């Protein structure tokens, strides 16, 4: 499990409180991967990458997709998701778990206009409902974003 810095933890505490004052530790979504959870999901280190979440009510899946690439990137022993294939991947993985992607509410935060456009086109082609789409501000310094999706509150939060 990746370590999360104290600034992120205070951000989590302010955005993820549920019920009395307790919240579950978010599940970490690594670069180029996707994770399902009944609780919050977090991914960090996004610059040109995209965070996309399919919310099914009691569960959600979030992916950290690399920007559009000419070819696939493989990391030792695994294939990394990119924006060209992430929608199809999330649909297939959702169906494997008995979830209907047409019932999902989709949230997107992208660091790349071309990636955002490709993802929106793929979602539209599959008749999926986009609740929120956001293009991160131009970031010439390469400042990273952390994205948290909370399926209990139906909220995608971004920290720069």
C-alpha atoms as a PDB file:
ATOM      1  CA  UNK A   1       0.000   0.000   0.000  1.00  0.00           C
ATOM      2  CA  UNK A   2       1.327   3.442  -0.870  1.00  0.00           C
ATOM      3  CA  UNK A   3       1.899   6.014   1.855  1.00  0.00           C
ATOM      4  CA  UNK A   4      -0.275   9.129   1.811  1.00  0.00           C
ATOM      5  CA  UNK A   5       1.160  12.407   3.125  1.00  0.00           C
ATOM      6  CA  UNK A   6      -0.343  14.371   6.034  1.00  0.00           C
ATOM      7  CA  UNK A   7      -1.805  17.075   3.771  1.00  0.00           C
ATOM      8  CA  UNK A   8      -3.750  14.439   1.888  1.00  0.00           C
ATOM      9  CA  UNK A   9      -4.935  12.880   5.161  1.00  0.00           C
ATOM     10  CA  UNK A  10      -6.335  16.192   6.407  1.00  0.00           C
ATOM     11  CA  UNK A  11      -7.989  16.691   3.008  1.00  0.00           C
ATOM     12  CA  UNK A  12      -9.514  13.220   3.346  1.00  0.00           C
ATOM     13  CA  UNK A  13     -10.759  13.968   6.824  1.00  0.00           C
ATOM     14  CA  UNK A  14     -12.534  17.088   5.609  1.00  0.00           C
ATOM     15  CA  UNK A  15     -14.126  15.468   2.545  1.00  0.00           C
ATOM     16  CA  UNK A  16     -14.801  11.880   3.498  1.00  0.00           C
ATOM     17  CA  UNK A  17     -16.544  12.061   6.857  1.00  0.00           C
ATOM     18  CA  UNK A  18     -19.552   9.785   6.858  1.00  0.00           C
ATOM     19  CA  UNK A  19     -22.074   9.205   9.608  1.00  0.00           C
ATOM     20  CA  UNK A  20     -20.813  10.086  13.066  1.00  0.00           C
ATOM     21  CA  UNK A  21     -17.180  11.091  12.434  1.00  0.00           C
ATOM     22  CA  UNK A  22     -15.692   7.909  11.073  1.00  0.00           C
ATOM     23  CA  UNK A  23     -14.481   7.076   7.600  1.00  0.00           C
ATOM     24  CA  UNK A  24     -12.799   4.113   6.001  1.00  0.00           C
ATOM     25  CA  UNK A  25      -9.273   4.342   4.722  1.00  0.00           C
ATOM     26  CA  UNK A  26      -9.534   4.882   0.941  1.00  0.00           C
ATOM     27  CA  UNK A  27      -8.443   2.137  -1.424  1.00  0.00           C
ATOM     28  CA  UNK A  28      -5.404   3.200  -3.464  1.00  0.00           C
ATOM     29  CA  UNK A  29      -5.665   3.073  -7.260  1.00  0.00           C
ATOM     30  CA  UNK A  30      -2.198   2.808  -8.782  1.00  0.00           C
ATOM     31  CA  UNK A  31      -1.159   4.395 -12.079  1.00  0.00           C
ATOM     32  CA  UNK A  32      -2.555   2.472 -15.048  1.00  0.00           C
ATOM     33  CA  UNK A  33      -4.855   0.359 -12.889  1.00  0.00           C
ATOM     34  CA  UNK A  34      -8.482   0.211 -11.733  1.00  0.00           C
ATOM     35  CA  UNK A  35      -9.978  -0.792  -8.377  1.00  0.00           C
ATOM     36  CA  UNK A  36     -13.498  -1.579  -7.126  1.00  0.00           C
ATOM     37  CA  UNK A  37     -14.581  -0.565  -3.622  1.00  0.00           C
ATOM     38  CA  UNK A  38     -17.603   0.049  -1.414  1.00  0.00           C
ATOM     39  CA  UNK A  39     -15.646   2.883   0.202  1.00  0.00           C
ATOM     40  CA  UNK A  40     -13.558   5.804  -1.018  1.00  0.00           C
ATOM     41  CA  UNK A  41     -10.914   5.409  -3.706  1.00  0.00           C
ATOM     42  CA  UNK A  42      -7.800   7.560  -4.065  1.00  0.00           C
ATOM     43  CA  UNK A  43      -5.234   7.988  -6.806  1.00  0.00           C
ATOM     44  CA  UNK A  44      -2.299  10.380  -6.845  1.00  0.00           C
ATOM     45  CA  UNK A  45       0.496  11.524  -9.095  1.00  0.00           C
ATOM     46  CA  UNK A  46      -1.818  12.646 -11.896  1.00  0.00           C
ATOM     47  CA  UNK A  47      -0.466  15.279 -14.284  1.00  0.00           C
ATOM     48  CA  UNK A  48      -1.612  14.388 -17.816  1.00  0.00           C
ATOM     49  CA  UNK A  49      -3.426  11.265 -16.620  1.00  0.00           C
ATOM     50  CA  UNK A  50      -7.172  10.819 -16.119  1.00  0.00           C
ATOM     51  CA  UNK A  51      -9.163   9.602 -13.123  1.00  0.00           C
ATOM     52  CA  UNK A  52     -12.503   8.082 -14.099  1.00  0.00           C
ATOM     53  CA  UNK A  53     -15.074   6.601 -11.732  1.00  0.00           C
ATOM     54  CA  UNK A  54     -18.165   4.503 -12.452  1.00  0.00           C
ATOM     55  CA  UNK A  55     -20.516   4.772  -9.459  1.00  0.00           C
ATOM     56  CA  UNK A  56     -23.071   1.992  -9.011  1.00  0.00           C
ATOM     57  CA  UNK A  57     -24.609   3.237  -5.772  1.00  0.00           C
ATOM     58  CA  UNK A  58     -23.233   0.781  -3.226  1.00  0.00           C
ATOM     59  CA  UNK A  59     -19.955   0.221  -5.046  1.00  0.00           C
ATOM     60  CA  UNK A  60     -17.704   2.122  -7.442  1.00  0.00           C
ATOM     61  CA  UNK A  61     -14.733   1.493  -9.669  1.00  0.00           C
ATOM     62  CA  UNK A  62     -12.057   4.104 -10.335  1.00  0.00           C
ATOM     63  CA  UNK A  63      -9.232   3.952 -12.870  1.00  0.00           C
ATOM     64  CA  UNK A  64      -6.035   5.986 -13.191  1.00  0.00           C
ATOM     65  CA  UNK A  65      -5.570   6.034 -16.971  1.00  0.00           C
ATOM     66  CA  UNK A  66      -2.435   7.192 -18.740  1.00  0.00           C
ATOM     67  CA  UNK A  67      -2.837   9.834 -21.469  1.00  0.00           C
ATOM     68  CA  UNK A  68      -3.557   8.814 -25.070  1.00  0.00           C
ATOM     69  CA  UNK A  69      -0.544   6.958 -26.356  1.00  0.00           C
ATOM     70  CA  UNK A  70       0.496   5.681 -29.773  1.00  0.00           C
ATOM     71  CA  UNK A  71       1.318   2.291 -28.277  1.00  0.00           C
ATOM     72  CA  UNK A  72       0.567   0.333 -25.129  1.00  0.00           C
ATOM     73  CA  UNK A  73       2.905   0.677 -22.142  1.00  0.00           C
ATOM     74  CA  UNK A  74       3.746  -2.416 -20.176  1.00  0.00           C
ATOM     75  CA  UNK A  75       5.169  -2.224 -16.701  1.00  0.00           C
ATOM     76  CA  UNK A  76       7.120  -5.262 -15.466  1.00  0.00           C
ATOM     77  CA  UNK A  77       4.530  -8.014 -15.438  1.00  0.00           C
ATOM     78  CA  UNK A  78       1.418  -5.937 -16.149  1.00  0.00           C
ATOM     79  CA  UNK A  79      -0.303  -3.850 -18.783  1.00  0.00           C
ATOM     80  CA  UNK A  80      -1.120  -0.244 -17.868  1.00  0.00           C
ATOM     81  CA  UNK A  81      -4.494   1.249 -18.798  1.00  0.00           C
ATOM     82  CA  UNK A  82      -4.532   4.319 -20.987  1.00  0.00           C
ATOM     83  CA  UNK A  83      -7.297   6.676 -22.047  1.00  0.00           C
ATOM     84  CA  UNK A  84      -7.765   4.862 -25.349  1.00  0.00           C
ATOM     85  CA  UNK A  85      -9.016   1.679 -23.652  1.00  0.00           C
ATOM     86  CA  UNK A  86     -10.146   2.607 -20.156  1.00  0.00           C
ATOM     87  CA  UNK A  87     -13.887   2.833 -20.872  1.00  0.00           C
ATOM     88  CA  UNK A  88     -14.003  -0.601 -22.544  1.00  0.00           C
ATOM     89  CA  UNK A  89     -11.959  -2.063 -19.685  1.00  0.00           C
ATOM     90  CA  UNK A  90     -14.252  -0.615 -16.990  1.00  0.00           C
ATOM     91  CA  UNK A  91     -17.333  -1.860 -18.850  1.00  0.00           C
ATOM     92  CA  UNK A  92     -15.921  -5.410 -19.142  1.00  0.00           C
ATOM     93  CA  UNK A  93     -14.784  -5.528 -15.510  1.00  0.00           C
ATOM     94  CA  UNK A  94     -18.134  -4.181 -14.314  1.00  0.00           C
ATOM     95  CA  UNK A  95     -20.034  -6.823 -16.298  1.00  0.00           C
ATOM     96  CA  UNK A  96     -17.811  -9.557 -14.809  1.00  0.00           C
ATOM     97  CA  UNK A  97     -19.020  -8.422 -11.355  1.00  0.00           C
ATOM     98  CA  UNK A  98     -22.684  -8.417 -12.387  1.00  0.00           C
ATOM     99  CA  UNK A  99     -22.879  -4.614 -12.604  1.00  0.00           C
ATOM    100  CA  UNK A 100     -24.708  -2.886 -15.462  1.00  0.00           C
ATOM    101  CA  UNK A 101     -22.563  -0.024 -16.824  1.00  0.00           C
ATOM    102  CA  UNK A 102     -25.706   1.686 -18.188  1.00  0.00           C
ATOM    103  CA  UNK A 103     -26.759   2.193 -14.545  1.00  0.00           C
ATOM    104  CA  UNK A 104     -23.442   3.806 -13.588  1.00  0.00           C
ATOM    105  CA  UNK A 105     -22.955   7.481 -12.933  1.00  0.00           C
ATOM    106  CA  UNK A 106     -19.601   8.522 -14.401  1.00  0.00           C
ATOM    107  CA  UNK A 107     -17.185  11.107 -12.985  1.00  0.00           C
ATOM    108  CA  UNK A 108     -14.057  12.221 -14.861  1.00  0.00           C
ATOM    109  CA  UNK A 109     -11.058  14.416 -14.012  1.00  0.00           C
ATOM    110  CA  UNK A 110      -8.507  14.598 -16.827  1.00  0.00           C
ATOM    111  CA  UNK A 111      -5.171  16.321 -17.289  1.00  0.00           C
ATOM    112  CA  UNK A 112      -5.377  16.051 -21.077  1.00  0.00           C
ATOM    113  CA  UNK A 113      -8.007  17.465 -23.451  1.00  0.00           C
ATOM    114  CA  UNK A 114      -7.416  14.731 -26.045  1.00  0.00           C
ATOM    115  CA  UNK A 115      -7.815  12.024 -23.380  1.00  0.00           C
ATOM    116  CA  UNK A 116     -10.967  13.659 -22.027  1.00  0.00           C
ATOM    117  CA  UNK A 117     -12.442  13.908 -25.547  1.00  0.00           C
ATOM    118  CA  UNK A 118     -11.662  10.232 -26.275  1.00  0.00           C
ATOM    119  CA  UNK A 119     -13.199   9.066 -22.988  1.00  0.00           C
ATOM    120  CA  UNK A 120     -16.337  11.169 -23.511  1.00  0.00           C
ATOM    121  CA  UNK A 121     -16.714   9.784 -27.060  1.00  0.00           C
ATOM    122  CA  UNK A 122     -16.375   6.220 -25.752  1.00  0.00           C
ATOM    123  CA  UNK A 123     -18.883   6.844 -22.960  1.00  0.00           C
ATOM    124  CA  UNK A 124     -21.359   8.429 -25.390  1.00  0.00           C
ATOM    125  CA  UNK A 125     -20.937   5.518 -27.831  1.00  0.00           C
ATOM    126  CA  UNK A 126     -21.877   3.149 -24.997  1.00  0.00           C
ATOM    127  CA  UNK A 127     -24.765   5.386 -23.839  1.00  0.00           C
ATOM    128  CA  UNK A 128     -23.269   5.895 -20.364  1.00  0.00           C
ATOM    129  CA  UNK A 129     -24.340   8.789 -18.133  1.00  0.00           C
ATOM    130  CA  UNK A 130     -21.664  11.396 -17.342  1.00  0.00           C
ATOM    131  CA  UNK A 131     -22.410  13.271 -14.117  1.00  0.00           C
ATOM    132  CA  UNK A 132     -19.213  15.314 -14.019  1.00  0.00           C
ATOM    133  CA  UNK A 133     -16.366  15.936 -16.451  1.00  0.00           C
ATOM    134  CA  UNK A 134     -13.477  18.190 -15.597  1.00  0.00           C
ATOM    135  CA  UNK A 135     -10.330  19.164 -17.444  1.00  0.00           C
ATOM    136  CA  UNK A 136      -7.586  20.026 -14.970  1.00  0.00           C
ATOM    137  CA  UNK A 137      -6.057  23.480 -15.434  1.00  0.00           C
ATOM    138  CA  UNK A 138      -3.025  23.756 -17.701  1.00  0.00           C
ATOM    139  CA  UNK A 139      -0.070  22.682 -15.623  1.00  0.00           C
ATOM    140  CA  UNK A 140       3.305  23.658 -17.155  1.00  0.00           C
ATOM    141  CA  UNK A 141       5.141  23.021 -13.846  1.00  0.00           C
ATOM    142  CA  UNK A 142       4.015  19.381 -13.795  1.00  0.00           C
ATOM    143  CA  UNK A 143       2.284  19.799 -10.440  1.00  0.00           C
ATOM    144  CA  UNK A 144       0.556  16.550  -9.526  1.00  0.00           C
ATOM    145  CA  UNK A 145      -3.101  16.055  -8.606  1.00  0.00           C
ATOM    146  CA  UNK A 146      -4.646  13.665  -6.137  1.00  0.00           C
ATOM    147  CA  UNK A 147      -8.185  12.539  -6.924  1.00  0.00           C
ATOM    148  CA  UNK A 148     -10.532  10.964  -4.396  1.00  0.00           C
ATOM    149  CA  UNK A 149     -13.855   9.412  -5.265  1.00  0.00           C
ATOM    150  CA  UNK A 150     -16.365   8.862  -2.461  1.00  0.00           C
ATOM    151  CA  UNK A 151     -19.252   6.610  -3.585  1.00  0.00           C
ATOM    152  CA  UNK A 152     -21.191   7.307  -0.384  1.00  0.00           C
ATOM    153  CA  UNK A 153     -21.327  11.030  -1.142  1.00  0.00           C
ATOM    154  CA  UNK A 154     -21.197  10.668  -4.965  1.00  0.00           C
ATOM    155  CA  UNK A 155     -18.313  13.103  -4.984  1.00  0.00           C
ATOM    156  CA  UNK A 156     -15.022  13.392  -6.851  1.00  0.00           C
ATOM    157  CA  UNK A 157     -12.586  15.704  -5.076  1.00  0.00           C
ATOM    158  CA  UNK A 158      -9.276  17.008  -6.427  1.00  0.00           C
ATOM    159  CA  UNK A 159      -6.280  18.306  -4.509  1.00  0.00           C
ATOM    160  CA  UNK A 160      -3.377  20.053  -6.237  1.00  0.00           C
END
